[in-house]
Amino acid sequence: MENKDDKYPEGHFLGIWMAIGIAIFSGLGIPLSIATDNPGFIGIGPALGVAFGLSIGQSIENKYKEKGRIRPLTESEKKRKKIAVATGIAVLTLGVLIFILLLFL
């Protein structure tokens, strides 16, 4: 049951709806790829999911912000977000380096 006095951190609904959009639309790219015999279309599903999820999440976030139910991030949430972004960039960089090493060896 939802409490009417709950306040949500900024970006809460964006993240939830982006994940829902990716989950729903990921299955769209594979049949499209098979039907057109083009494996490049596999990435279209998640991309559409991100676009739809962000648009829906932003509209919900704006609605809740007007009602005063969105609060700014706390210092610990900001720190956790920075650590998560830095970790993601590090993992991406490591993956690219491993790919390049395997490509040329």
N, C-alpha and C. Protein backbone atom coordinates (compact mmCIF):
# COMPACT_ATOMS: atom_id res chain seq x y z
N MET A 1 0.83 -1.17 0.00
CA MET A 1 0.00 0.00 0.00
C MET A 1 0.88 1.25 0.00
N GLU A 2 0.54 2.20 -0.80
CA GLU A 2 1.35 3.40 -0.97
C GLU A 2 0.97 4.45 0.08
N ASN A 3 1.99 5.00 0.71
CA ASN A 3 1.78 6.07 1.68
C ASN A 3 1.77 7.40 0.92
N LYS A 4 0.76 8.21 1.14
CA LYS A 4 0.61 9.47 0.40
C LYS A 4 1.67 10.50 0.79
N ASP A 5 2.37 10.29 1.91
CA ASP A 5 3.37 11.25 2.37
C ASP A 5 4.79 10.88 1.95
N ASP A 6 4.97 9.77 1.24
CA ASP A 6 6.31 9.36 0.82
C ASP A 6 6.92 10.39 -0.12
N LYS A 7 8.22 10.63 0.06
CA LYS A 7 8.96 11.48 -0.86
C LYS A 7 10.00 10.61 -1.54
N TYR A 8 10.14 10.79 -2.84
CA TYR A 8 11.04 9.98 -3.63
C TYR A 8 12.26 10.80 -4.02
N PRO A 9 13.44 10.16 -4.09
CA PRO A 9 14.63 10.91 -4.51
C PRO A 9 14.54 11.30 -5.98
N GLU A 10 15.22 12.37 -6.30
CA GLU A 10 15.24 12.86 -7.68
C GLU A 10 15.81 11.77 -8.59
N GLY A 11 15.14 11.50 -9.70
CA GLY A 11 15.58 10.49 -10.65
C GLY A 11 15.04 9.10 -10.37
N HIS A 12 14.25 8.94 -9.33
CA HIS A 12 13.73 7.63 -8.94
C HIS A 12 12.89 7.01 -10.06
N PHE A 13 11.93 7.76 -10.57
CA PHE A 13 11.03 7.22 -11.58
C PHE A 13 11.71 7.09 -12.94
N LEU A 14 12.72 7.92 -13.19
CA LEU A 14 13.46 7.78 -14.45
C LEU A 14 14.14 6.42 -14.52
N GLY A 15 14.80 6.04 -13.43
CA GLY A 15 15.50 4.76 -13.40
C GLY A 15 14.56 3.58 -13.51
N ILE A 16 13.46 3.64 -12.78
CA ILE A 16 12.51 2.53 -12.80
C ILE A 16 11.91 2.35 -14.20
N TRP A 17 11.45 3.45 -14.80
CA TRP A 17 10.79 3.34 -16.09
C TRP A 17 11.78 3.07 -17.22
N MET A 18 13.03 3.48 -17.07
CA MET A 18 14.02 3.13 -18.08
C MET A 18 14.25 1.61 -18.05
N ALA A 19 14.34 1.04 -16.87
CA ALA A 19 14.52 -0.41 -16.75
C ALA A 19 13.31 -1.16 -17.30
N ILE A 20 12.12 -0.68 -17.01
CA ILE A 20 10.91 -1.32 -17.53
C ILE A 20 10.87 -1.23 -19.05
N GLY A 21 11.21 -0.06 -19.60
CA GLY A 21 11.23 0.12 -21.05
C GLY A 21 12.22 -0.80 -21.74
N ILE A 22 13.42 -0.92 -21.17
CA ILE A 22 14.43 -1.81 -21.75
C ILE A 22 13.93 -3.25 -21.70
N ALA A 23 13.35 -3.66 -20.58
CA ALA A 23 12.86 -5.03 -20.44
C ALA A 23 11.76 -5.34 -21.45
N ILE A 24 10.86 -4.40 -21.67
CA ILE A 24 9.75 -4.63 -22.58
C ILE A 24 10.20 -4.63 -24.03
N PHE A 25 11.01 -3.65 -24.40
CA PHE A 25 11.37 -3.47 -25.80
C PHE A 25 12.57 -4.30 -26.25
N SER A 26 13.29 -4.95 -25.33
CA SER A 26 14.43 -5.75 -25.73
C SER A 26 14.02 -6.90 -26.65
N GLY A 27 12.85 -7.44 -26.41
CA GLY A 27 12.36 -8.52 -27.25
C GLY A 27 11.96 -8.08 -28.64
N LEU A 28 11.91 -6.80 -28.89
CA LEU A 28 11.51 -6.29 -30.21
C LEU A 28 12.64 -6.38 -31.23
N GLY A 29 13.88 -6.22 -30.78
CA GLY A 29 15.01 -6.18 -31.71
C GLY A 29 15.32 -7.53 -32.35
N ILE A 30 15.16 -8.61 -31.62
CA ILE A 30 15.53 -9.93 -32.14
C ILE A 30 14.62 -10.36 -33.28
N PRO A 31 13.29 -10.31 -33.16
CA PRO A 31 12.46 -10.67 -34.31
C PRO A 31 12.66 -9.74 -35.50
N LEU A 32 12.89 -8.47 -35.22
CA LEU A 32 13.15 -7.52 -36.30
C LEU A 32 14.45 -7.87 -37.02
N SER A 33 15.44 -8.27 -36.25
CA SER A 33 16.72 -8.67 -36.82
C SER A 33 16.57 -9.93 -37.68
N ILE A 34 15.78 -10.88 -37.21
CA ILE A 34 15.58 -12.13 -37.96
C ILE A 34 14.76 -11.86 -39.21
N ALA A 35 13.72 -11.03 -39.10
CA ALA A 35 12.85 -10.76 -40.25
C ALA A 35 13.59 -10.03 -41.36
N THR A 36 14.48 -9.13 -41.00
CA THR A 36 15.21 -8.36 -42.02
C THR A 36 16.55 -8.97 -42.37
N ASP A 37 16.94 -10.04 -41.67
CA ASP A 37 18.22 -10.70 -41.87
C ASP A 37 19.39 -9.72 -41.68
N ASN A 38 19.21 -8.80 -40.73
CA ASN A 38 20.23 -7.80 -40.42
C ASN A 38 20.47 -7.81 -38.92
N PRO A 39 21.61 -8.36 -38.46
CA PRO A 39 21.84 -8.43 -37.01
C PRO A 39 22.03 -7.07 -36.34
N GLY A 40 22.19 -6.03 -37.13
CA GLY A 40 22.34 -4.69 -36.56
C GLY A 40 21.07 -4.18 -35.90
N PHE A 41 19.93 -4.79 -36.22
CA PHE A 41 18.67 -4.34 -35.64
C PHE A 41 18.42 -4.88 -34.23
N ILE A 42 19.30 -5.72 -33.71
CA ILE A 42 19.12 -6.24 -32.36
C ILE A 42 19.15 -5.10 -31.34
N GLY A 43 19.96 -4.08 -31.59
CA GLY A 43 20.09 -2.97 -30.66
C GLY A 43 18.95 -1.97 -30.70
N ILE A 44 18.06 -2.09 -31.67
CA ILE A 44 16.96 -1.12 -31.78
C ILE A 44 15.97 -1.27 -30.63
N GLY A 45 15.71 -2.50 -30.20
CA GLY A 45 14.75 -2.73 -29.12
C GLY A 45 15.13 -2.03 -27.82
N PRO A 46 16.34 -2.29 -27.29
CA PRO A 46 16.73 -1.59 -26.06
C PRO A 46 16.79 -0.06 -26.22
N ALA A 47 17.20 0.41 -27.40
CA ALA A 47 17.25 1.86 -27.61
C ALA A 47 15.85 2.47 -27.55
N LEU A 48 14.88 1.81 -28.17
CA LEU A 48 13.50 2.28 -28.08
C LEU A 48 12.99 2.20 -26.64
N GLY A 49 13.38 1.15 -25.94
CA GLY A 49 12.98 1.01 -24.54
C GLY A 49 13.50 2.13 -23.67
N VAL A 50 14.74 2.53 -23.90
CA VAL A 50 15.31 3.66 -23.14
C VAL A 50 14.53 4.93 -23.45
N ALA A 51 14.25 5.17 -24.73
CA ALA A 51 13.53 6.39 -25.11
C ALA A 51 12.13 6.43 -24.50
N PHE A 52 11.39 5.35 -24.63
CA PHE A 52 10.04 5.32 -24.06
C PHE A 52 10.08 5.37 -22.53
N GLY A 53 10.98 4.62 -21.93
CA GLY A 53 11.08 4.61 -20.48
C GLY A 53 11.43 5.96 -19.90
N LEU A 54 12.37 6.66 -20.53
CA LEU A 54 12.75 7.98 -20.04
C LEU A 54 11.62 8.99 -20.20
N SER A 55 10.89 8.90 -21.31
CA SER A 55 9.80 9.86 -21.49
C SER A 55 8.68 9.62 -20.48
N ILE A 56 8.32 8.37 -20.24
CA ILE A 56 7.29 8.07 -19.25
C ILE A 56 7.78 8.41 -17.84
N GLY A 57 9.01 8.03 -17.53
CA GLY A 57 9.56 8.32 -16.21
C GLY A 57 9.65 9.81 -15.93
N GLN A 58 10.04 10.60 -16.94
CA GLN A 58 10.13 12.04 -16.76
C GLN A 58 8.76 12.66 -16.54
N SER A 59 7.75 12.17 -17.26
CA SER A 59 6.41 12.73 -17.06
C SER A 59 5.88 12.40 -15.65
N ILE A 60 6.14 11.19 -15.17
CA ILE A 60 5.71 10.84 -13.81
C ILE A 60 6.50 11.66 -12.79
N GLU A 61 7.79 11.82 -13.04
CA GLU A 61 8.62 12.61 -12.12
C GLU A 61 8.13 14.06 -12.05
N ASN A 62 7.77 14.64 -13.19
CA ASN A 62 7.26 16.02 -13.21
C ASN A 62 5.94 16.12 -12.44
N LYS A 63 5.08 15.11 -12.60
CA LYS A 63 3.80 15.11 -11.89
C LYS A 63 4.03 15.07 -10.38
N TYR A 64 4.94 14.22 -9.93
CA TYR A 64 5.21 14.11 -8.51
C TYR A 64 5.94 15.34 -7.98
N LYS A 65 6.76 15.97 -8.84
CA LYS A 65 7.47 17.18 -8.42
C LYS A 65 6.48 18.32 -8.17
N GLU A 66 5.45 18.42 -9.01
CA GLU A 66 4.42 19.44 -8.82
C GLU A 66 3.68 19.24 -7.49
N LYS A 67 3.52 17.99 -7.10
CA LYS A 67 2.85 17.68 -5.84
C LYS A 67 3.79 17.82 -4.64
N GLY A 68 5.08 18.07 -4.89
CA GLY A 68 6.05 18.20 -3.81
C GLY A 68 6.51 16.89 -3.23
N ARG A 69 6.43 15.82 -4.01
CA ARG A 69 6.80 14.50 -3.51
C ARG A 69 8.16 14.03 -4.02
N ILE A 70 8.92 14.92 -4.65
CA ILE A 70 10.28 14.61 -5.09
C ILE A 70 11.24 15.43 -4.23
N ARG A 71 12.20 14.75 -3.62
CA ARG A 71 13.18 15.45 -2.79
C ARG A 71 14.54 15.41 -3.48
N PRO A 72 15.40 16.39 -3.18
CA PRO A 72 16.75 16.35 -3.75
C PRO A 72 17.55 15.18 -3.16
N LEU A 73 18.59 14.79 -3.85
CA LEU A 73 19.43 13.69 -3.38
C LEU A 73 20.19 14.10 -2.12
N THR A 74 20.33 13.16 -1.19
CA THR A 74 21.14 13.42 0.00
C THR A 74 22.61 13.30 -0.37
N GLU A 75 23.48 13.71 0.53
CA GLU A 75 24.93 13.64 0.26
C GLU A 75 25.38 12.19 0.06
N SER A 76 24.85 11.26 0.85
CA SER A 76 25.25 9.86 0.68
C SER A 76 24.76 9.30 -0.65
N GLU A 77 23.58 9.72 -1.10
CA GLU A 77 23.07 9.27 -2.40
C GLU A 77 23.91 9.84 -3.54
N LYS A 78 24.32 11.11 -3.40
CA LYS A 78 25.18 11.71 -4.42
C LYS A 78 26.52 10.99 -4.49
N LYS A 79 27.08 10.67 -3.32
CA LYS A 79 28.36 9.96 -3.28
C LYS A 79 28.23 8.57 -3.90
N ARG A 80 27.15 7.86 -3.57
CA ARG A 80 26.92 6.53 -4.13
C ARG A 80 26.74 6.59 -5.64
N LYS A 81 26.08 7.64 -6.12
CA LYS A 81 25.87 7.81 -7.56
C LYS A 81 27.20 8.07 -8.27
N LYS A 82 28.07 8.90 -7.67
CA LYS A 82 29.38 9.16 -8.26
C LYS A 82 30.22 7.90 -8.32
N ILE A 83 30.17 7.10 -7.25
CA ILE A 83 30.93 5.85 -7.23
C ILE A 83 30.41 4.89 -8.30
N ALA A 84 29.10 4.82 -8.46
CA ALA A 84 28.52 3.93 -9.47
C ALA A 84 28.91 4.36 -10.88
N VAL A 85 28.90 5.66 -11.14
CA VAL A 85 29.29 6.16 -12.46
C VAL A 85 30.77 5.89 -12.72
N ALA A 86 31.61 6.14 -11.73
CA ALA A 86 33.05 5.89 -11.88
C ALA A 86 33.32 4.41 -12.11
N THR A 87 32.62 3.55 -11.38
CA THR A 87 32.78 2.10 -11.56
C THR A 87 32.34 1.67 -12.96
N GLY A 88 31.23 2.21 -13.42
CA GLY A 88 30.75 1.89 -14.77
C GLY A 88 31.73 2.31 -15.84
N ILE A 89 32.31 3.50 -15.71
CA ILE A 89 33.29 3.98 -16.68
C ILE A 89 34.54 3.11 -16.64
N ALA A 90 34.97 2.71 -15.43
CA ALA A 90 36.15 1.86 -15.31
C ALA A 90 35.91 0.49 -15.96
N VAL A 91 34.75 -0.09 -15.73
CA VAL A 91 34.43 -1.40 -16.32
C VAL A 91 34.34 -1.29 -17.85
N LEU A 92 33.74 -0.22 -18.34
CA LEU A 92 33.66 0.00 -19.78
C LEU A 92 35.05 0.15 -20.39
N THR A 93 35.90 0.94 -19.76
CA THR A 93 37.27 1.13 -20.25
C THR A 93 38.03 -0.19 -20.25
N LEU A 94 37.91 -0.95 -19.18
CA LEU A 94 38.57 -2.24 -19.10
C LEU A 94 38.07 -3.18 -20.19
N GLY A 95 36.78 -3.19 -20.43
CA GLY A 95 36.22 -4.03 -21.49
C GLY A 95 36.72 -3.64 -22.87
N VAL A 96 36.82 -2.35 -23.14
CA VAL A 96 37.33 -1.89 -24.43
C VAL A 96 38.79 -2.28 -24.59
N LEU A 97 39.59 -2.12 -23.53
CA LEU A 97 41.00 -2.50 -23.60
C LEU A 97 41.17 -3.99 -23.85
N ILE A 98 40.40 -4.81 -23.16
CA ILE A 98 40.48 -6.26 -23.37
C ILE A 98 40.06 -6.61 -24.79
N PHE A 99 39.02 -5.96 -25.30
CA PHE A 99 38.58 -6.21 -26.67
C PHE A 99 39.68 -5.86 -27.66
N ILE A 100 40.32 -4.72 -27.47
CA ILE A 100 41.39 -4.30 -28.39
C ILE A 100 42.56 -5.26 -28.31
N LEU A 101 42.93 -5.69 -27.10
CA LEU A 101 44.02 -6.66 -26.96
C LEU A 101 43.69 -7.97 -27.66
N LEU A 102 42.49 -8.47 -27.49
CA LEU A 102 42.11 -9.72 -28.13
C LEU A 102 41.99 -9.58 -29.64
N LEU A 103 41.63 -8.41 -30.09
CA LEU A 103 41.48 -8.17 -31.52
C LEU A 103 42.82 -8.22 -32.24
N PHE A 104 43.85 -7.69 -31.60
CA PHE A 104 45.15 -7.59 -32.26
C PHE A 104 46.13 -8.68 -31.85
N LEU A 105 45.74 -9.63 -31.05
CA LEU A 105 46.64 -10.73 -30.67
C LEU A 105 46.34 -11.98 -31.42
